[in-house]
Amino acid sequence: MATIITNFYTVDNQVGVDLNQPQTISVTTDPSIPAPRSALGDTCQGIGGSQWVFVKASTTVTALNVVYIDESFNANNCNLSIANGVSHQKTVGIAEFQASNAQPGDYFWAAGRGQGGFLVNVQGTAAAGVQLYISSSAPGSLTTTVTSSASNGAMNNIFVVGALVSATAAVEMVFQFPQTSV
């Protein structure tokens, strides 16, 4: 089992990249930051075999949640109603930042690939290598429990490394450009 990474950084030569914190733009409270540090859709490579994309939260996004990213690089907590019929048209990423959440309009880097040290929110128990599904009760979280194919979509290319034995929490995962099956 790899060590959980709590402070990600880029290995690219990009100025101003902060993989750990969402960026709030408020010309009213801080006019010294008039625009995001990067352009929506920019990508970068990070430590831990990671790849990231710069996105904007459309709704409140909870840290360590799975997010859908649309063609305009807007991110939302992953849930089946968003996925219904159009999931393969959206990119899936992980909101792997250290703040508790990103508010609508905040910018952040979403991880699309992570080969070790990443945490992802899971509901219920999880064992290494188990099939994961979109949670029908907690948007953005994954689960191992299927209520029905209409309320849970299977996740592909994302795997539990350790185990979550009895509580809802973040679990170490590895992932390679995850997708939903719905």
Protein backbone atom coordinates (compact mmCIF):
# COMPACT_ATOMS: atom_id res chain seq x y z
CA MET A 1 0.00 0.00 0.00
CA ALA A 2 1.34 3.41 -0.99
CA THR A 3 1.57 6.36 1.34
CA ILE A 4 -1.39 8.74 1.23
CA ILE A 5 -0.30 12.03 -0.36
CA THR A 6 -1.64 15.10 1.42
CA ASN A 7 0.22 17.80 -0.48
CA PHE A 8 0.24 17.43 -4.26
CA TYR A 9 2.40 19.55 -6.53
CA THR A 10 3.02 19.76 -10.24
CA VAL A 11 6.11 18.42 -11.96
CA ASP A 12 5.43 20.64 -15.02
CA ASN A 13 6.85 24.12 -15.49
CA GLN A 14 3.55 25.94 -14.94
CA VAL A 15 3.46 29.05 -12.79
CA GLY A 16 0.75 29.48 -10.14
CA VAL A 17 -0.56 25.89 -10.08
CA ASP A 18 -2.00 24.96 -6.66
CA LEU A 19 -3.32 21.40 -6.77
CA ASN A 20 -4.29 21.51 -3.08
CA GLN A 21 -6.72 24.42 -2.78
CA PRO A 22 -9.68 25.77 -4.76
CA GLN A 23 -9.30 29.34 -6.00
CA THR A 24 -12.06 31.86 -5.31
CA ILE A 25 -12.27 34.92 -7.54
CA SER A 26 -13.82 37.94 -5.83
CA VAL A 27 -12.99 41.36 -7.20
CA THR A 28 -15.02 42.81 -4.32
CA THR A 29 -13.05 41.26 -1.43
CA ASP A 30 -9.70 40.80 -3.20
CA PRO A 31 -9.28 42.85 -6.39
CA SER A 32 -5.61 41.80 -6.61
CA ILE A 33 -6.75 38.45 -8.08
CA PRO A 34 -8.98 39.43 -11.03
CA ALA A 35 -8.94 36.07 -12.84
CA PRO A 36 -8.10 32.38 -12.31
CA ARG A 37 -4.42 31.42 -12.31
CA SER A 38 -4.91 29.01 -15.23
CA ALA A 39 -7.26 28.61 -18.19
CA LEU A 40 -10.18 26.18 -17.95
CA GLY A 41 -9.15 22.86 -19.49
CA ASP A 42 -5.42 23.32 -18.85
CA THR A 43 -3.73 20.08 -17.84
CA CYS A 44 -0.65 19.32 -15.81
CA GLN A 45 1.31 16.36 -14.50
CA GLY A 46 1.75 15.94 -10.75
CA ILE A 47 3.50 13.73 -8.26
CA GLY A 48 2.23 10.20 -7.61
CA GLY A 49 1.78 9.49 -11.32
CA SER A 50 -1.04 11.99 -11.48
CA GLN A 51 -2.63 14.05 -14.24
CA TRP A 52 -4.89 17.03 -13.55
CA VAL A 53 -7.34 19.31 -15.41
CA PHE A 54 -8.33 22.86 -14.38
CA VAL A 55 -12.11 23.14 -13.82
CA LYS A 56 -14.79 25.41 -12.36
CA ALA A 57 -17.30 24.19 -9.75
CA SER A 58 -20.91 24.58 -10.96
CA THR A 59 -22.31 23.47 -7.61
CA THR A 60 -20.72 22.94 -4.20
CA VAL A 61 -18.14 20.18 -4.68
CA THR A 62 -16.97 18.23 -1.62
CA ALA A 63 -13.29 17.37 -1.25
CA LEU A 64 -12.33 13.82 -2.29
CA ASN A 65 -15.54 13.35 -4.30
CA VAL A 66 -15.85 11.98 -7.81
CA VAL A 67 -16.87 14.76 -10.21
CA TYR A 68 -18.27 14.92 -13.72
CA ILE A 69 -16.57 17.49 -15.94
CA ASP A 70 -18.56 18.74 -18.93
CA GLU A 71 -17.30 20.07 -22.26
CA SER A 72 -17.03 23.59 -20.78
CA PHE A 73 -14.90 22.25 -17.88
CA ASN A 74 -17.66 22.74 -15.29
CA ALA A 75 -17.46 20.22 -12.43
CA ASN A 76 -20.31 18.72 -10.37
CA ASN A 77 -20.48 15.93 -7.80
CA CYS A 78 -21.07 12.71 -9.72
CA ASN A 79 -24.61 11.32 -9.48
CA LEU A 80 -26.80 9.20 -11.71
CA SER A 81 -29.17 12.01 -12.68
CA ILE A 82 -26.22 13.87 -14.23
CA ALA A 83 -24.92 10.66 -15.78
CA ASN A 84 -28.25 9.52 -17.18
CA GLY A 85 -27.67 8.92 -20.87
CA VAL A 86 -24.70 11.26 -21.32
CA SER A 87 -21.97 9.91 -19.05
CA HIS A 88 -19.55 8.99 -21.83
CA GLN A 89 -19.71 12.60 -23.02
CA LYS A 90 -18.29 13.78 -19.71
CA THR A 91 -14.89 13.36 -18.13
CA VAL A 92 -14.72 11.90 -14.63
CA GLY A 93 -12.20 13.24 -12.11
CA ILE A 94 -11.47 13.42 -8.40
CA ALA A 95 -11.76 16.65 -6.36
CA GLU A 96 -8.51 15.90 -4.56
CA PHE A 97 -8.08 19.22 -2.73
CA GLN A 98 -7.42 19.89 0.95
CA ALA A 99 -10.21 22.42 1.65
CA SER A 100 -13.53 20.86 2.74
CA ASN A 101 -15.31 22.01 -0.43
CA ALA A 102 -15.29 24.28 -3.47
CA GLN A 103 -18.21 26.67 -3.79
CA PRO A 104 -20.01 27.39 -7.09
CA GLY A 105 -17.74 29.57 -9.20
CA ASP A 106 -14.53 28.40 -7.49
CA TYR A 107 -11.75 26.98 -9.66
CA PHE A 108 -9.77 23.84 -8.82
CA TRP A 109 -7.60 21.12 -10.30
CA ALA A 110 -9.41 17.77 -10.66
CA ALA A 111 -7.31 14.61 -10.84
CA GLY A 112 -7.99 12.40 -13.87
CA ARG A 113 -5.24 9.89 -13.19
CA GLY A 114 -3.59 8.83 -9.95
CA GLN A 115 -1.31 5.87 -9.51
CA GLY A 116 -0.98 6.02 -5.75
CA GLY A 117 -1.70 7.99 -2.61
CA PHE A 118 -5.15 9.35 -3.59
CA LEU A 119 -8.20 9.34 -1.32
CA VAL A 120 -11.79 9.04 -2.61
CA ASN A 121 -15.03 9.18 -0.59
CA VAL A 122 -16.78 5.80 -0.26
CA GLN A 123 -20.10 4.95 1.42
CA GLY A 124 -20.14 1.68 3.41
CA THR A 125 -17.48 -1.00 3.35
CA ALA A 126 -14.93 -1.60 0.61
CA ALA A 127 -12.26 -4.23 0.05
CA ALA A 128 -9.25 -4.14 -2.25
CA GLY A 129 -10.19 -4.66 -5.90
CA VAL A 130 -13.98 -4.58 -5.34
CA GLN A 131 -16.32 -3.19 -8.04
CA LEU A 132 -17.37 0.39 -7.27
CA TYR A 133 -20.61 2.20 -8.18
CA ILE A 134 -21.90 5.76 -8.08
CA SER A 135 -23.67 6.25 -4.75
CA SER A 136 -27.39 6.93 -5.12
CA SER A 137 -27.57 8.46 -1.62
CA ALA A 138 -24.44 10.64 -1.52
CA PRO A 139 -23.59 12.41 -4.81
CA GLY A 140 -19.86 12.32 -5.48
CA SER A 141 -19.23 9.28 -3.29
CA LEU A 142 -18.72 5.74 -4.45
CA THR A 143 -20.25 2.59 -2.98
CA THR A 144 -20.00 -1.18 -3.28
CA THR A 145 -23.75 -1.59 -2.79
CA VAL A 146 -26.08 -1.67 -5.78
CA THR A 147 -29.64 -0.53 -5.08
CA SER A 148 -30.62 -0.96 -8.73
CA SER A 149 -29.12 -0.38 -12.15
CA ALA A 150 -31.38 2.69 -12.37
CA SER A 151 -29.85 4.29 -9.26
CA ASN A 152 -26.23 3.08 -9.35
CA GLY A 153 -23.85 3.22 -12.30
CA ALA A 154 -20.72 1.06 -12.26
CA MET A 155 -17.37 2.87 -12.22
CA ASN A 156 -14.55 1.56 -14.40
CA ASN A 157 -10.79 2.18 -14.19
CA ILE A 158 -10.83 3.04 -10.47
CA PHE A 159 -9.73 0.56 -7.81
CA VAL A 160 -9.58 0.34 -4.02
CA VAL A 161 -6.04 -0.30 -2.76
CA GLY A 162 -6.75 -0.81 0.96
CA ALA A 163 -9.98 -1.52 2.78
CA LEU A 164 -12.78 0.38 4.48
CA VAL A 165 -14.20 -2.06 6.97
CA SER A 166 -17.12 -0.48 8.78
CA ALA A 167 -17.57 3.24 8.27
CA THR A 168 -18.07 5.79 5.57
CA ALA A 169 -14.76 7.50 4.85
CA ALA A 170 -12.14 8.25 2.25
CA VAL A 171 -10.32 5.19 0.92
CA GLU A 172 -7.03 4.97 -0.96
CA MET A 173 -7.57 4.43 -4.68
CA VAL A 174 -5.67 4.19 -7.92
CA PHE A 175 -7.36 5.31 -11.11
CA GLN A 176 -6.64 5.76 -14.78
CA PHE A 177 -9.16 8.12 -16.40
CA PRO A 178 -12.26 6.63 -14.69
CA GLN A 179 -15.57 6.25 -16.56
CA THR A 180 -19.11 5.30 -15.68
CA SER A 181 -20.93 2.42 -17.35
CA VAL A 182 -24.28 4.21 -17.63
